[in-house]
């Protein structure tokens, strides 16, 4: 089947550690679980067992991350320090930074124990896997990012995996729910509009907090910006590749 191009891939992001800074990439591999190496690690509070998020530990957003690739532990640069630390070895420095005892754990190690959802220590059913959700890739258009942040058009604010240039109409991707995004061999099924949270308002490295972001999105769209997609067919994603939309029928 030949699909007509409607745009191209202009941004690819991996977030190796949940709620920390992302890594811009030239290419990503996706499989049935989503972007390989995305949110493969998390920070857990040792006193409570809770997996921390930007809500419970907003300072996490300011920890720089250097990707070691999809199958390698990332390195962390904690504010106030000059050396990069491998994620599993950053316990002491990160605990000092967050003023609580924490550890960096692999997602796989928590798969049968805790859910990532909202950082709550919810025990999963054996067949659910770890924080199992249908939507695994976050997609946002350049027009939606520009609408949100007219000053510097920075993709880091909504933290997408894929940034697509599909024209100048903001929220065009919201009309794709139920349809397929085709990029090379990869096929993604758009499952839902991304419901935004207070993360939009929080400061990130090089970006000041903006308490109006979430209110503006709620007023304009009812709270959504960007879409989530699950994987119908695995493949490789590369910057500059063509993007097509295929109907469900």
C-alpha atoms as a PDB file:
ATOM      1  CA  UNK A   1       0.000   0.000   0.000  1.00  0.00           C
ATOM      2  CA  UNK A   2       1.273   3.464  -0.924  1.00  0.00           C
ATOM      3  CA  UNK A   3       0.401   6.190   1.577  1.00  0.00           C
ATOM      4  CA  UNK A   4       0.496   9.877   0.648  1.00  0.00           C
ATOM      5  CA  UNK A   5       2.937  11.905   2.709  1.00  0.00           C
ATOM      6  CA  UNK A   6       1.505  14.701   4.852  1.00  0.00           C
ATOM      7  CA  UNK A   7       4.742  15.784   6.520  1.00  0.00           C
ATOM      8  CA  UNK A   8       7.985  14.608   8.047  1.00  0.00           C
ATOM      9  CA  UNK A   9       9.674  13.682  11.304  1.00  0.00           C
ATOM     10  CA  UNK A  10      11.541  16.678  12.736  1.00  0.00           C
ATOM     11  CA  UNK A  11      12.159  15.562  16.328  1.00  0.00           C
ATOM     12  CA  UNK A  12      12.869  12.276  18.106  1.00  0.00           C
ATOM     13  CA  UNK A  13      13.211  12.101  21.884  1.00  0.00           C
ATOM     14  CA  UNK A  14      14.029   9.349  24.349  1.00  0.00           C
ATOM     15  CA  UNK A  15      13.481   9.810  28.092  1.00  0.00           C
ATOM     16  CA  UNK A  16      15.722   7.133  29.639  1.00  0.00           C
ATOM     17  CA  UNK A  17      14.739   7.942  33.245  1.00  0.00           C
ATOM     18  CA  UNK A  18      11.162   8.698  34.219  1.00  0.00           C
ATOM     19  CA  UNK A  19      10.613  12.438  34.942  1.00  0.00           C
ATOM     20  CA  UNK A  20      14.209  13.449  34.107  1.00  0.00           C
ATOM     21  CA  UNK A  21      15.414  15.421  31.089  1.00  0.00           C
ATOM     22  CA  UNK A  22      15.093  13.864  27.652  1.00  0.00           C
ATOM     23  CA  UNK A  23      17.698  13.079  25.011  1.00  0.00           C
ATOM     24  CA  UNK A  24      17.259  14.253  21.410  1.00  0.00           C
ATOM     25  CA  UNK A  25      18.036  11.410  19.018  1.00  0.00           C
ATOM     26  CA  UNK A  26      18.644  11.022  15.294  1.00  0.00           C
ATOM     27  CA  UNK A  27      16.902   7.675  15.285  1.00  0.00           C
ATOM     28  CA  UNK A  28      14.696   5.495  17.492  1.00  0.00           C
ATOM     29  CA  UNK A  29      13.750   1.838  17.432  1.00  0.00           C
ATOM     30  CA  UNK A  30      10.182   0.933  18.334  1.00  0.00           C
ATOM     31  CA  UNK A  31       8.767  -2.456  19.216  1.00  0.00           C
ATOM     32  CA  UNK A  32       5.530  -3.674  20.786  1.00  0.00           C
ATOM     33  CA  UNK A  33       6.471  -1.954  24.071  1.00  0.00           C
ATOM     34  CA  UNK A  34       7.106   1.434  22.458  1.00  0.00           C
ATOM     35  CA  UNK A  35      10.389   3.316  22.106  1.00  0.00           C
ATOM     36  CA  UNK A  36      13.294   1.093  23.100  1.00  0.00           C
ATOM     37  CA  UNK A  37      15.121   2.538  26.087  1.00  0.00           C
ATOM     38  CA  UNK A  38      12.367   5.045  26.876  1.00  0.00           C
ATOM     39  CA  UNK A  39      11.711   5.384  30.615  1.00  0.00           C
ATOM     40  CA  UNK A  40      13.695   2.238  31.224  1.00  0.00           C
ATOM     41  CA  UNK A  41      14.714   3.545  34.646  1.00  0.00           C
ATOM     42  CA  UNK A  42      12.930   5.300  37.488  1.00  0.00           C
ATOM     43  CA  UNK A  43      13.747   6.829  40.861  1.00  0.00           C
ATOM     44  CA  UNK A  44      12.225   5.142  43.904  1.00  0.00           C
ATOM     45  CA  UNK A  45      11.864   6.603  47.392  1.00  0.00           C
ATOM     46  CA  UNK A  46      13.419   4.021  49.709  1.00  0.00           C
ATOM     47  CA  UNK A  47      11.284   4.997  52.706  1.00  0.00           C
ATOM     48  CA  UNK A  48       7.944   4.575  50.951  1.00  0.00           C
ATOM     49  CA  UNK A  49       8.621   2.395  47.928  1.00  0.00           C
ATOM     50  CA  UNK A  50       6.944   5.001  45.723  1.00  0.00           C
ATOM     51  CA  UNK A  51       8.240   5.604  42.204  1.00  0.00           C
ATOM     52  CA  UNK A  52       8.834   9.367  42.045  1.00  0.00           C
ATOM     53  CA  UNK A  53       7.418  11.637  39.365  1.00  0.00           C
ATOM     54  CA  UNK A  54       7.605  15.308  38.436  1.00  0.00           C
ATOM     55  CA  UNK A  55       4.714  15.948  40.854  1.00  0.00           C
ATOM     56  CA  UNK A  56       6.294  14.329  43.903  1.00  0.00           C
ATOM     57  CA  UNK A  57       9.878  15.368  43.045  1.00  0.00           C
ATOM     58  CA  UNK A  58       9.923  18.279  40.541  1.00  0.00           C
ATOM     59  CA  UNK A  59      13.712  18.610  40.902  1.00  0.00           C
ATOM     60  CA  UNK A  60      14.021  15.437  38.818  1.00  0.00           C
ATOM     61  CA  UNK A  61      13.206  17.488  35.719  1.00  0.00           C
ATOM     62  CA  UNK A  62      16.528  19.324  36.142  1.00  0.00           C
ATOM     63  CA  UNK A  63      18.721  16.230  36.118  1.00  0.00           C
ATOM     64  CA  UNK A  64      20.437  16.028  32.736  1.00  0.00           C
ATOM     65  CA  UNK A  65      20.539  12.616  31.079  1.00  0.00           C
ATOM     66  CA  UNK A  66      23.001  11.317  28.510  1.00  0.00           C
ATOM     67  CA  UNK A  67      21.699   8.317  26.640  1.00  0.00           C
ATOM     68  CA  UNK A  68      23.853   5.226  26.465  1.00  0.00           C
ATOM     69  CA  UNK A  69      21.620   3.840  23.726  1.00  0.00           C
ATOM     70  CA  UNK A  70      18.510   1.722  23.918  1.00  0.00           C
ATOM     71  CA  UNK A  71      20.227  -1.180  25.703  1.00  0.00           C
ATOM     72  CA  UNK A  72      22.693   0.683  27.942  1.00  0.00           C
ATOM     73  CA  UNK A  73      22.227   2.470  31.296  1.00  0.00           C
ATOM     74  CA  UNK A  74      22.104   6.249  30.857  1.00  0.00           C
ATOM     75  CA  UNK A  75      24.413   8.701  32.585  1.00  0.00           C
ATOM     76  CA  UNK A  76      23.131  11.450  34.870  1.00  0.00           C
ATOM     77  CA  UNK A  77      24.450  14.946  35.533  1.00  0.00           C
ATOM     78  CA  UNK A  78      22.964  16.111  38.825  1.00  0.00           C
ATOM     79  CA  UNK A  79      22.756  19.900  39.349  1.00  0.00           C
ATOM     80  CA  UNK A  80      25.669  21.144  41.426  1.00  0.00           C
ATOM     81  CA  UNK A  81      27.983  18.348  40.308  1.00  0.00           C
ATOM     82  CA  UNK A  82      30.480  18.213  37.447  1.00  0.00           C
ATOM     83  CA  UNK A  83      30.806  14.470  36.815  1.00  0.00           C
ATOM     84  CA  UNK A  84      28.401  12.250  34.920  1.00  0.00           C
ATOM     85  CA  UNK A  85      27.269   9.195  36.880  1.00  0.00           C
ATOM     86  CA  UNK A  86      25.884   5.931  35.538  1.00  0.00           C
ATOM     87  CA  UNK A  87      22.246   5.797  36.607  1.00  0.00           C
ATOM     88  CA  UNK A  88      22.510   2.705  38.859  1.00  0.00           C
ATOM     89  CA  UNK A  89      25.519   4.262  40.667  1.00  0.00           C
ATOM     90  CA  UNK A  90      23.943   7.670  41.306  1.00  0.00           C
ATOM     91  CA  UNK A  91      22.127   6.744  44.515  1.00  0.00           C
ATOM     92  CA  UNK A  92      24.158   8.797  47.000  1.00  0.00           C
ATOM     93  CA  UNK A  93      24.422  11.937  44.861  1.00  0.00           C
ATOM     94  CA  UNK A  94      20.760  11.826  43.874  1.00  0.00           C
ATOM     95  CA  UNK A  95      19.661  11.274  47.480  1.00  0.00           C
ATOM     96  CA  UNK A  96      21.588  14.377  48.538  1.00  0.00           C
ATOM     97  CA  UNK A  97      20.097  16.409  45.693  1.00  0.00           C
ATOM     98  CA  UNK A  98      16.512  15.348  46.463  1.00  0.00           C
ATOM     99  CA  UNK A  99      16.974  15.440  50.265  1.00  0.00           C
ATOM    100  CA  UNK A 100      15.550  11.926  50.635  1.00  0.00           C
ATOM    101  CA  UNK A 101      16.933   8.434  50.328  1.00  0.00           C
ATOM    102  CA  UNK A 102      16.333   7.174  46.804  1.00  0.00           C
ATOM    103  CA  UNK A 103      17.630   4.639  44.333  1.00  0.00           C
ATOM    104  CA  UNK A 104      17.632   4.435  40.533  1.00  0.00           C
ATOM    105  CA  UNK A 105      16.004   1.198  39.476  1.00  0.00           C
ATOM    106  CA  UNK A 106      15.430  -0.496  36.150  1.00  0.00           C
ATOM    107  CA  UNK A 107      11.880  -0.659  34.937  1.00  0.00           C
ATOM    108  CA  UNK A 108      12.260  -4.397  34.421  1.00  0.00           C
ATOM    109  CA  UNK A 109      13.149  -4.861  38.090  1.00  0.00           C
ATOM    110  CA  UNK A 110       9.869  -3.258  39.122  1.00  0.00           C
ATOM    111  CA  UNK A 111       7.702  -4.858  36.457  1.00  0.00           C
ATOM    112  CA  UNK A 112       5.987  -7.298  38.787  1.00  0.00           C
ATOM    113  CA  UNK A 113       6.054  -5.008  41.794  1.00  0.00           C
ATOM    114  CA  UNK A 114       4.966  -1.420  41.162  1.00  0.00           C
ATOM    115  CA  UNK A 115       3.066   0.572  38.592  1.00  0.00           C
ATOM    116  CA  UNK A 116       4.540   3.763  37.133  1.00  0.00           C
ATOM    117  CA  UNK A 117       1.084   5.279  36.862  1.00  0.00           C
ATOM    118  CA  UNK A 118       1.094   8.525  38.840  1.00  0.00           C
ATOM    119  CA  UNK A 119       3.954   7.181  40.985  1.00  0.00           C
ATOM    120  CA  UNK A 120       1.565   5.133  43.096  1.00  0.00           C
ATOM    121  CA  UNK A 121       2.797   1.888  44.671  1.00  0.00           C
ATOM    122  CA  UNK A 122       0.102  -0.257  43.081  1.00  0.00           C
ATOM    123  CA  UNK A 123       0.825  -3.951  42.764  1.00  0.00           C
ATOM    124  CA  UNK A 124       0.190  -5.251  39.254  1.00  0.00           C
ATOM    125  CA  UNK A 125      -1.625  -8.417  38.322  1.00  0.00           C
ATOM    126  CA  UNK A 126       0.804 -11.105  37.056  1.00  0.00           C
ATOM    127  CA  UNK A 127      -0.338 -10.816  33.438  1.00  0.00           C
ATOM    128  CA  UNK A 128      -0.334  -7.033  33.274  1.00  0.00           C
ATOM    129  CA  UNK A 129       3.362  -6.408  33.199  1.00  0.00           C
ATOM    130  CA  UNK A 130       4.811  -3.177  34.532  1.00  0.00           C
ATOM    131  CA  UNK A 131       2.543  -0.147  34.302  1.00  0.00           C
ATOM    132  CA  UNK A 132       0.972  -1.761  31.268  1.00  0.00           C
ATOM    133  CA  UNK A 133      -0.927   0.713  29.094  1.00  0.00           C
ATOM    134  CA  UNK A 134      -2.097   0.534  25.506  1.00  0.00           C
ATOM    135  CA  UNK A 135      -0.645   3.908  24.525  1.00  0.00           C
ATOM    136  CA  UNK A 136       3.144   3.832  24.504  1.00  0.00           C
ATOM    137  CA  UNK A 137       4.408   6.592  22.172  1.00  0.00           C
ATOM    138  CA  UNK A 138       3.743  10.304  22.608  1.00  0.00           C
ATOM    139  CA  UNK A 139       3.331  12.298  19.372  1.00  0.00           C
ATOM    140  CA  UNK A 140       3.025  16.081  19.042  1.00  0.00           C
ATOM    141  CA  UNK A 141       3.003  18.329  15.963  1.00  0.00           C
ATOM    142  CA  UNK A 142       5.237  21.365  15.536  1.00  0.00           C
ATOM    143  CA  UNK A 143       2.125  23.545  15.179  1.00  0.00           C
ATOM    144  CA  UNK A 144       0.800  22.422  18.572  1.00  0.00           C
ATOM    145  CA  UNK A 145       4.181  23.058  20.206  1.00  0.00           C
ATOM    146  CA  UNK A 146       4.329  26.515  18.597  1.00  0.00           C
ATOM    147  CA  UNK A 147       0.832  27.296  19.869  1.00  0.00           C
ATOM    148  CA  UNK A 148       1.807  26.276  23.397  1.00  0.00           C
ATOM    149  CA  UNK A 149       5.079  28.135  23.538  1.00  0.00           C
ATOM    150  CA  UNK A 150       5.239  30.939  21.021  1.00  0.00           C
ATOM    151  CA  UNK A 151       8.429  32.330  22.500  1.00  0.00           C
ATOM    152  CA  UNK A 152      10.878  29.541  21.688  1.00  0.00           C
ATOM    153  CA  UNK A 153       8.808  26.711  20.164  1.00  0.00           C
ATOM    154  CA  UNK A 154      10.513  24.232  22.491  1.00  0.00           C
ATOM    155  CA  UNK A 155       9.506  20.570  22.284  1.00  0.00           C
ATOM    156  CA  UNK A 156      10.818  19.894  25.770  1.00  0.00           C
ATOM    157  CA  UNK A 157       7.711  21.433  27.341  1.00  0.00           C
ATOM    158  CA  UNK A 158       5.242  18.682  26.310  1.00  0.00           C
ATOM    159  CA  UNK A 159       8.018  15.979  26.319  1.00  0.00           C
ATOM    160  CA  UNK A 160       7.031  14.011  23.175  1.00  0.00           C
ATOM    161  CA  UNK A 161       8.820  11.032  21.662  1.00  0.00           C
ATOM    162  CA  UNK A 162       7.942  12.106  18.107  1.00  0.00           C
ATOM    163  CA  UNK A 163       7.662  15.650  16.770  1.00  0.00           C
ATOM    164  CA  UNK A 164       5.993  15.836  13.356  1.00  0.00           C
ATOM    165  CA  UNK A 165       5.836  18.748  10.942  1.00  0.00           C
ATOM    166  CA  UNK A 166       2.426  18.316   9.319  1.00  0.00           C
ATOM    167  CA  UNK A 167       1.543  21.923   8.576  1.00  0.00           C
ATOM    168  CA  UNK A 168       0.580  25.041  10.465  1.00  0.00           C
ATOM    169  CA  UNK A 169      -2.734  23.944  12.025  1.00  0.00           C
ATOM    170  CA  UNK A 170      -2.379  23.344  15.764  1.00  0.00           C
ATOM    171  CA  UNK A 171      -3.879  20.144  17.199  1.00  0.00           C
ATOM    172  CA  UNK A 172      -4.214  18.515  13.787  1.00  0.00           C
ATOM    173  CA  UNK A 173      -2.954  15.311  15.369  1.00  0.00           C
ATOM    174  CA  UNK A 174      -6.078  15.214  17.572  1.00  0.00           C
ATOM    175  CA  UNK A 175      -8.106  14.314  14.482  1.00  0.00           C
ATOM    176  CA  UNK A 176      -6.056  11.145  13.967  1.00  0.00           C
ATOM    177  CA  UNK A 177      -7.531   9.139  16.854  1.00  0.00           C
ATOM    178  CA  UNK A 178      -8.393   5.686  15.487  1.00  0.00           C
ATOM    179  CA  UNK A 179      -6.111   6.136  12.474  1.00  0.00           C
ATOM    180  CA  UNK A 180      -2.577   4.931  11.719  1.00  0.00           C
ATOM    181  CA  UNK A 181       0.643   6.934  11.551  1.00  0.00           C
ATOM    182  CA  UNK A 182       2.955   5.348   8.969  1.00  0.00           C
ATOM    183  CA  UNK A 183       6.675   6.152   9.092  1.00  0.00           C
ATOM    184  CA  UNK A 184       8.810   3.823   6.991  1.00  0.00           C
ATOM    185  CA  UNK A 185       8.075   0.277   8.124  1.00  0.00           C
ATOM    186  CA  UNK A 186       6.649   1.420  11.451  1.00  0.00           C
ATOM    187  CA  UNK A 187       2.896   1.713  11.933  1.00  0.00           C
ATOM    188  CA  UNK A 188       1.463   3.404  15.033  1.00  0.00           C
ATOM    189  CA  UNK A 189      -2.223   3.366  16.019  1.00  0.00           C
ATOM    190  CA  UNK A 190      -3.393   6.676  17.504  1.00  0.00           C
ATOM    191  CA  UNK A 191      -5.387   5.725  20.597  1.00  0.00           C
ATOM    192  CA  UNK A 192      -6.219   8.971  22.395  1.00  0.00           C
ATOM    193  CA  UNK A 193      -5.521  12.668  22.825  1.00  0.00           C
ATOM    194  CA  UNK A 194      -2.925  13.279  25.529  1.00  0.00           C
ATOM    195  CA  UNK A 195      -4.562  14.738  28.634  1.00  0.00           C
ATOM    196  CA  UNK A 196      -2.141  17.299  30.009  1.00  0.00           C
ATOM    197  CA  UNK A 197      -1.146  17.793  33.640  1.00  0.00           C
ATOM    198  CA  UNK A 198       0.805  20.264  35.761  1.00  0.00           C
ATOM    199  CA  UNK A 199       4.049  19.231  34.054  1.00  0.00           C
ATOM    200  CA  UNK A 200       3.309  21.861  31.394  1.00  0.00           C
ATOM    201  CA  UNK A 201       3.696  24.574  34.024  1.00  0.00           C
ATOM    202  CA  UNK A 202       6.903  23.376  35.647  1.00  0.00           C
ATOM    203  CA  UNK A 203      10.396  24.669  34.992  1.00  0.00           C
ATOM    204  CA  UNK A 204      12.842  22.537  33.034  1.00  0.00           C
ATOM    205  CA  UNK A 205      16.526  23.095  32.233  1.00  0.00           C
ATOM    206  CA  UNK A 206      16.766  26.395  30.371  1.00  0.00           C
ATOM    207  CA  UNK A 207      12.994  26.915  30.571  1.00  0.00           C
ATOM    208  CA  UNK A 208      11.246  29.026  33.199  1.00  0.00           C
ATOM    209  CA  UNK A 209       8.045  27.856  34.835  1.00  0.00           C
ATOM    210  CA  UNK A 210       4.878  29.121  33.136  1.00  0.00           C
ATOM    211  CA  UNK A 211       1.799  28.824  35.384  1.00  0.00           C
ATOM    212  CA  UNK A 212      -0.511  29.668  32.483  1.00  0.00           C
ATOM    213  CA  UNK A 213       0.348  26.781  30.147  1.00  0.00           C
ATOM    214  CA  UNK A 214      -2.080  24.217  31.538  1.00  0.00           C
ATOM    215  CA  UNK A 215      -4.901  26.757  31.855  1.00  0.00           C
ATOM    216  CA  UNK A 216      -4.446  27.803  28.227  1.00  0.00           C
ATOM    217  CA  UNK A 217      -4.597  24.200  27.020  1.00  0.00           C
ATOM    218  CA  UNK A 218      -7.691  23.495  29.118  1.00  0.00           C
ATOM    219  CA  UNK A 219      -9.404  26.576  27.715  1.00  0.00           C
ATOM    220  CA  UNK A 220      -8.482  25.856  24.089  1.00  0.00           C
ATOM    221  CA  UNK A 221      -8.892  22.070  23.837  1.00  0.00           C
ATOM    222  CA  UNK A 222     -10.429  20.904  27.093  1.00  0.00           C
ATOM    223  CA  UNK A 223      -7.038  19.776  28.365  1.00  0.00           C
ATOM    224  CA  UNK A 224      -5.502  17.806  25.496  1.00  0.00           C
ATOM    225  CA  UNK A 225      -2.297  18.432  23.555  1.00  0.00           C
ATOM    226  CA  UNK A 226      -0.700  15.800  21.352  1.00  0.00           C
ATOM    227  CA  UNK A 227      -1.705  12.142  21.074  1.00  0.00           C
ATOM    228  CA  UNK A 228      -0.714   8.736  22.370  1.00  0.00           C
ATOM    229  CA  UNK A 229      -0.185   5.830  20.011  1.00  0.00           C
ATOM    230  CA  UNK A 230       0.339   2.102  20.355  1.00  0.00           C
ATOM    231  CA  UNK A 231       2.465  -0.021  18.032  1.00  0.00           C
ATOM    232  CA  UNK A 232       0.880  -2.022  15.235  1.00  0.00           C
ATOM    233  CA  UNK A 233       4.129  -2.746  13.406  1.00  0.00           C
ATOM    234  CA  UNK A 234       7.638  -2.305  14.805  1.00  0.00           C
ATOM    235  CA  UNK A 235      10.350  -0.466  12.908  1.00  0.00           C
ATOM    236  CA  UNK A 236      12.988   2.257  12.891  1.00  0.00           C
ATOM    237  CA  UNK A 237      12.260   5.982  12.999  1.00  0.00           C
ATOM    238  CA  UNK A 238      14.703   8.516  11.557  1.00  0.00           C
ATOM    239  CA  UNK A 239      14.797  12.292  11.405  1.00  0.00           C
ATOM    240  CA  UNK A 240      13.544  13.611   8.080  1.00  0.00           C
ATOM    241  CA  UNK A 241      11.418  10.576   7.248  1.00  0.00           C
ATOM    242  CA  UNK A 242       8.051  11.002   5.568  1.00  0.00           C
ATOM    243  CA  UNK A 243       4.850  10.729   7.610  1.00  0.00           C
ATOM    244  CA  UNK A 244       1.558   9.390   6.263  1.00  0.00           C
ATOM    245  CA  UNK A 245      -1.856   8.867   7.857  1.00  0.00           C
ATOM    246  CA  UNK A 246      -3.780   5.696   7.048  1.00  0.00           C
ATOM    247  CA  UNK A 247      -7.448   5.315   7.914  1.00  0.00           C
ATOM    248  CA  UNK A 248      -8.578   2.407  10.064  1.00  0.00           C
ATOM    249  CA  UNK A 249     -10.763   0.980   7.322  1.00  0.00           C
END
